[in-house]
Amino acid sequence: MKKALGLMMLLAVSGTAWAEEAAAPSAEQVSPFERDFRKADANSDGSLSRAEAEQAKAQLLVANFDKIDGDKSTGLSRDEIKGFLQSAVQAAMRAQQEEFIKRLNKADKNKDGALTQKELKAVELPGLSKNFEAIDANKDKKITMQEINEFARSQQQAAAK
């Protein structure tokens, strides 16, 4: 997820962060998204014109301006931009998941739905190889998609603490 968010921020803006902070900002603290939106909104009308997006070097917004401008107002509202970025992040995550599953299927030479350490060596998935024993919950010397998902969830929970 962090990689996908980083990718979207990199694609969305050249030198400007358009991602919202996870927690709502306090009254005296403004999110990076809001700070950058206000900075780009030169006329302070609450929307970004194509010229304002170009001036802010928001290349992803400029390239997709008409698609993002759902109400065809010739200006991008905060909600339109946030919705577009959320959709783009979700699409990037789906593509990343599809690529991961494709690589797992390629590695599963005997098509039994499980991967041995030997099968993993055939593909570049160092995170799985490195954590093979921890992922292999039932200690059968194979890892399944269910075990991979459970391991990933446990890692996310540990990171959240």
C-alpha atoms as a PDB file:
ATOM      1  CA  MET A   1       0.000   0.000   0.000  1.00  0.00           C
ATOM      2  CA  LYS A   2       2.793   2.410   0.898  1.00  0.00           C
ATOM      3  CA  LYS A   3       4.438   1.723  -2.470  1.00  0.00           C
ATOM      4  CA  ALA A   4       1.204   2.410  -4.308  1.00  0.00           C
ATOM      5  CA  LEU A   5       0.633   5.656  -2.430  1.00  0.00           C
ATOM      6  CA  GLY A   6       4.201   6.725  -3.078  1.00  0.00           C
ATOM      7  CA  LEU A   7       3.816   5.906  -6.752  1.00  0.00           C
ATOM      8  CA  MET A   8       0.608   7.903  -7.027  1.00  0.00           C
ATOM      9  CA  MET A   9       2.134  10.908  -5.284  1.00  0.00           C
ATOM     10  CA  LEU A  10       5.108  10.731  -7.632  1.00  0.00           C
ATOM     11  CA  LEU A  11       2.848  10.500 -10.688  1.00  0.00           C
ATOM     12  CA  ALA A  12       0.331  13.064  -9.494  1.00  0.00           C
ATOM     13  CA  VAL A  13       2.593  15.975  -8.892  1.00  0.00           C
ATOM     14  CA  SER A  14       6.066  17.068  -9.790  1.00  0.00           C
ATOM     15  CA  GLY A  15       7.389  18.542  -6.565  1.00  0.00           C
ATOM     16  CA  THR A  16       4.016  18.847  -4.823  1.00  0.00           C
ATOM     17  CA  ALA A  17       2.406  16.371  -2.421  1.00  0.00           C
ATOM     18  CA  TRP A  18      -1.321  15.845  -3.066  1.00  0.00           C
ATOM     19  CA  ALA A  19      -1.976  13.031  -0.615  1.00  0.00           C
ATOM     20  CA  GLU A  20      -3.991  13.630   2.499  1.00  0.00           C
ATOM     21  CA  GLU A  21      -2.626  12.808   5.902  1.00  0.00           C
ATOM     22  CA  ALA A  22      -4.159   9.688   7.464  1.00  0.00           C
ATOM     23  CA  ALA A  23      -5.450  11.611  10.481  1.00  0.00           C
ATOM     24  CA  ALA A  24      -7.581  14.719  10.197  1.00  0.00           C
ATOM     25  CA  PRO A  25      -5.505  17.850  10.789  1.00  0.00           C
ATOM     26  CA  SER A  26      -6.033  19.936  13.894  1.00  0.00           C
ATOM     27  CA  ALA A  27      -7.383  23.460  13.564  1.00  0.00           C
ATOM     28  CA  GLU A  28      -3.888  24.980  13.337  1.00  0.00           C
ATOM     29  CA  GLN A  29      -2.474  22.160  11.177  1.00  0.00           C
ATOM     30  CA  VAL A  30      -3.435  21.850   7.516  1.00  0.00           C
ATOM     31  CA  SER A  31      -2.979  18.613   5.558  1.00  0.00           C
ATOM     32  CA  PRO A  32      -0.384  18.555   2.777  1.00  0.00           C
ATOM     33  CA  PHE A  33      -3.223  18.114   0.276  1.00  0.00           C
ATOM     34  CA  GLU A  34      -5.022  21.218   1.549  1.00  0.00           C
ATOM     35  CA  ARG A  35      -1.805  23.253   1.780  1.00  0.00           C
ATOM     36  CA  ASP A  36      -0.870  22.404  -1.811  1.00  0.00           C
ATOM     37  CA  PHE A  37      -4.410  22.851  -3.098  1.00  0.00           C
ATOM     38  CA  ARG A  38      -4.559  26.346  -1.604  1.00  0.00           C
ATOM     39  CA  LYS A  39      -1.136  27.185  -3.029  1.00  0.00           C
ATOM     40  CA  ALA A  40      -2.165  26.008  -6.519  1.00  0.00           C
ATOM     41  CA  ASP A  41      -5.555  27.761  -6.338  1.00  0.00           C
ATOM     42  CA  ALA A  42      -4.081  31.141  -7.284  1.00  0.00           C
ATOM     43  CA  ASN A  43      -7.429  32.965  -7.432  1.00  0.00           C
ATOM     44  CA  SER A  44      -8.753  31.265  -4.252  1.00  0.00           C
ATOM     45  CA  ASP A  45     -12.030  30.267  -5.902  1.00  0.00           C
ATOM     46  CA  GLY A  46     -12.006  26.742  -4.444  1.00  0.00           C
ATOM     47  CA  SER A  47     -11.190  24.952  -7.697  1.00  0.00           C
ATOM     48  CA  LEU A  48      -8.166  24.480  -9.908  1.00  0.00           C
ATOM     49  CA  SER A  49      -8.348  25.642 -13.479  1.00  0.00           C
ATOM     50  CA  ARG A  50      -6.264  23.892 -16.108  1.00  0.00           C
ATOM     51  CA  ALA A  51      -3.849  26.865 -16.043  1.00  0.00           C
ATOM     52  CA  GLU A  52      -3.514  26.645 -12.242  1.00  0.00           C
ATOM     53  CA  ALA A  53      -2.826  22.897 -12.453  1.00  0.00           C
ATOM     54  CA  GLU A  54      -0.210  23.535 -15.144  1.00  0.00           C
ATOM     55  CA  GLN A  55       1.386  26.311 -13.074  1.00  0.00           C
ATOM     56  CA  ALA A  56       1.546  23.930 -10.065  1.00  0.00           C
ATOM     57  CA  LYS A  57       3.221  21.321 -12.304  1.00  0.00           C
ATOM     58  CA  ALA A  58       0.514  18.811 -11.349  1.00  0.00           C
ATOM     59  CA  GLN A  59       1.183  16.690 -14.415  1.00  0.00           C
ATOM     60  CA  LEU A  60      -1.252  13.886 -13.590  1.00  0.00           C
ATOM     61  CA  LEU A  61      -4.035  16.422 -13.032  1.00  0.00           C
ATOM     62  CA  VAL A  62      -3.231  18.248 -16.268  1.00  0.00           C
ATOM     63  CA  ALA A  63      -3.067  15.010 -18.284  1.00  0.00           C
ATOM     64  CA  ASN A  64      -6.421  13.826 -16.908  1.00  0.00           C
ATOM     65  CA  PHE A  65      -8.121  17.183 -16.437  1.00  0.00           C
ATOM     66  CA  ASP A  66     -11.235  16.462 -18.506  1.00  0.00           C
ATOM     67  CA  LYS A  67     -11.666  13.030 -16.942  1.00  0.00           C
ATOM     68  CA  ILE A  68     -11.340  14.435 -13.400  1.00  0.00           C
ATOM     69  CA  ASP A  69     -13.687  17.374 -14.080  1.00  0.00           C
ATOM     70  CA  GLY A  70     -16.835  15.287 -13.650  1.00  0.00           C
ATOM     71  CA  ASP A  71     -19.248  18.210 -13.571  1.00  0.00           C
ATOM     72  CA  LYS A  72     -17.549  19.858 -16.596  1.00  0.00           C
ATOM     73  CA  SER A  73     -17.165  23.109 -14.666  1.00  0.00           C
ATOM     74  CA  THR A  74     -13.683  23.721 -16.147  1.00  0.00           C
ATOM     75  CA  GLY A  75     -12.325  23.593 -12.626  1.00  0.00           C
ATOM     76  CA  LEU A  76     -11.225  20.731 -10.388  1.00  0.00           C
ATOM     77  CA  SER A  77     -12.733  20.696  -6.915  1.00  0.00           C
ATOM     78  CA  ARG A  78     -11.044  19.139  -3.907  1.00  0.00           C
ATOM     79  CA  ASP A  79     -13.528  16.254  -4.004  1.00  0.00           C
ATOM     80  CA  GLU A  80     -12.954  15.613  -7.714  1.00  0.00           C
ATOM     81  CA  ILE A  81      -9.184  15.480  -7.208  1.00  0.00           C
ATOM     82  CA  LYS A  82      -9.432  13.291  -4.108  1.00  0.00           C
ATOM     83  CA  GLY A  83     -11.811  10.907  -5.884  1.00  0.00           C
ATOM     84  CA  PHE A  84      -9.520  10.653  -8.888  1.00  0.00           C
ATOM     85  CA  LEU A  85      -6.430  10.035  -6.752  1.00  0.00           C
ATOM     86  CA  GLN A  86      -8.245   7.389  -4.697  1.00  0.00           C
ATOM     87  CA  SER A  87      -9.345   5.624  -7.878  1.00  0.00           C
ATOM     88  CA  ALA A  88      -5.830   5.811  -9.287  1.00  0.00           C
ATOM     89  CA  VAL A  89      -4.349   4.372  -6.077  1.00  0.00           C
ATOM     90  CA  GLN A  90      -6.902   1.551  -6.115  1.00  0.00           C
ATOM     91  CA  ALA A  91      -6.131   0.792  -9.770  1.00  0.00           C
ATOM     92  CA  ALA A  92      -2.397   0.729  -9.038  1.00  0.00           C
ATOM     93  CA  MET A  93      -2.978  -1.607  -6.103  1.00  0.00           C
ATOM     94  CA  ARG A  94      -5.114  -3.938  -8.246  1.00  0.00           C
ATOM     95  CA  ALA A  95      -2.415  -4.019 -10.921  1.00  0.00           C
ATOM     96  CA  GLN A  96       0.221  -4.752  -8.288  1.00  0.00           C
ATOM     97  CA  GLN A  97      -1.897  -7.588  -6.859  1.00  0.00           C
ATOM     98  CA  GLU A  98      -2.525  -9.052 -10.314  1.00  0.00           C
ATOM     99  CA  GLU A  99       1.201  -9.007 -11.077  1.00  0.00           C
ATOM    100  CA  PHE A 100       1.949 -10.676  -7.731  1.00  0.00           C
ATOM    101  CA  ILE A 101      -0.594 -13.446  -8.374  1.00  0.00           C
ATOM    102  CA  LYS A 102       0.726 -13.917 -11.914  1.00  0.00           C
ATOM    103  CA  ARG A 103       4.239 -14.393 -10.531  1.00  0.00           C
ATOM    104  CA  LEU A 104       2.978 -16.831  -7.884  1.00  0.00           C
ATOM    105  CA  ASN A 105       1.150 -18.878 -10.511  1.00  0.00           C
ATOM    106  CA  LYS A 106       4.250 -18.934 -12.684  1.00  0.00           C
ATOM    107  CA  ALA A 107       6.328 -20.186  -9.731  1.00  0.00           C
ATOM    108  CA  ASP A 108       3.831 -22.966  -8.891  1.00  0.00           C
ATOM    109  CA  LYS A 109       5.299 -25.451 -11.374  1.00  0.00           C
ATOM    110  CA  ASN A 110       3.225 -28.451 -10.246  1.00  0.00           C
ATOM    111  CA  LYS A 111       0.030 -26.342 -10.022  1.00  0.00           C
ATOM    112  CA  ASP A 112      -0.871 -27.613  -6.552  1.00  0.00           C
ATOM    113  CA  GLY A 113      -1.765 -24.153  -5.215  1.00  0.00           C
ATOM    114  CA  ALA A 114       1.232 -24.094  -2.887  1.00  0.00           C
ATOM    115  CA  LEU A 115       4.825 -22.991  -3.266  1.00  0.00           C
ATOM    116  CA  THR A 116       7.929 -24.736  -2.011  1.00  0.00           C
ATOM    117  CA  GLN A 117      11.176 -22.876  -1.379  1.00  0.00           C
ATOM    118  CA  LYS A 118      12.548 -24.438  -4.566  1.00  0.00           C
ATOM    119  CA  GLU A 119       9.618 -23.112  -6.608  1.00  0.00           C
ATOM    120  CA  LEU A 120      10.052 -19.648  -5.083  1.00  0.00           C
ATOM    121  CA  LYS A 121      13.661 -19.485  -6.233  1.00  0.00           C
ATOM    122  CA  ALA A 122      12.423 -19.447  -9.846  1.00  0.00           C
ATOM    123  CA  VAL A 123      10.753 -16.038  -9.414  1.00  0.00           C
ATOM    124  CA  GLU A 124      11.874 -12.806  -7.828  1.00  0.00           C
ATOM    125  CA  LEU A 125       9.781 -12.587  -4.684  1.00  0.00           C
ATOM    126  CA  PRO A 126      12.421 -11.962  -2.006  1.00  0.00           C
ATOM    127  CA  GLY A 127       9.868 -11.061   0.672  1.00  0.00           C
ATOM    128  CA  LEU A 128       8.322 -14.521   0.420  1.00  0.00           C
ATOM    129  CA  SER A 129      11.649 -16.325   0.271  1.00  0.00           C
ATOM    130  CA  LYS A 130      13.029 -14.397   3.242  1.00  0.00           C
ATOM    131  CA  ASN A 131       9.938 -15.003   5.375  1.00  0.00           C
ATOM    132  CA  PHE A 132       9.118 -18.497   4.113  1.00  0.00           C
ATOM    133  CA  GLU A 133       9.251 -20.201   7.521  1.00  0.00           C
ATOM    134  CA  ALA A 134       7.184 -17.492   9.190  1.00  0.00           C
ATOM    135  CA  ILE A 135       4.583 -17.631   6.404  1.00  0.00           C
ATOM    136  CA  ASP A 136       4.390 -21.447   6.487  1.00  0.00           C
ATOM    137  CA  ALA A 137       1.944 -21.527   9.405  1.00  0.00           C
ATOM    138  CA  ASN A 138       1.278 -25.291   9.279  1.00  0.00           C
ATOM    139  CA  LYS A 139       4.999 -26.101   8.791  1.00  0.00           C
ATOM    140  CA  ASP A 140       4.383 -28.370   5.772  1.00  0.00           C
ATOM    141  CA  LYS A 141       7.309 -26.814   3.837  1.00  0.00           C
ATOM    142  CA  LYS A 142       4.858 -25.120   1.435  1.00  0.00           C
ATOM    143  CA  ILE A 143       3.103 -21.783   1.502  1.00  0.00           C
ATOM    144  CA  THR A 144      -0.383 -21.143   0.199  1.00  0.00           C
ATOM    145  CA  MET A 145      -2.134 -17.926  -0.764  1.00  0.00           C
ATOM    146  CA  GLN A 146      -4.140 -18.182   2.465  1.00  0.00           C
ATOM    147  CA  GLU A 147      -0.922 -18.361   4.511  1.00  0.00           C
ATOM    148  CA  ILE A 148       0.541 -15.437   2.561  1.00  0.00           C
ATOM    149  CA  ASN A 149      -2.593 -13.353   3.227  1.00  0.00           C
ATOM    150  CA  GLU A 150      -2.618 -14.247   6.934  1.00  0.00           C
ATOM    151  CA  PHE A 151       1.069 -13.366   7.241  1.00  0.00           C
ATOM    152  CA  ALA A 152       0.521 -10.034   5.445  1.00  0.00           C
ATOM    153  CA  ARG A 153      -2.415  -9.198   7.761  1.00  0.00           C
ATOM    154  CA  SER A 154      -0.336 -10.004  10.845  1.00  0.00           C
ATOM    155  CA  GLN A 155       2.488  -7.781   9.554  1.00  0.00           C
ATOM    156  CA  GLN A 156       0.058  -4.907   8.912  1.00  0.00           C
ATOM    157  CA  GLN A 157      -1.415  -5.268  12.397  1.00  0.00           C
ATOM    158  CA  ALA A 158       2.056  -5.304  13.957  1.00  0.00           C
ATOM    159  CA  ALA A 159       3.059  -2.222  11.967  1.00  0.00           C
ATOM    160  CA  ALA A 160      -0.100  -0.387  13.060  1.00  0.00           C
ATOM    161  CA  LYS A 161       0.739  -0.808  16.733  1.00  0.00           C
END
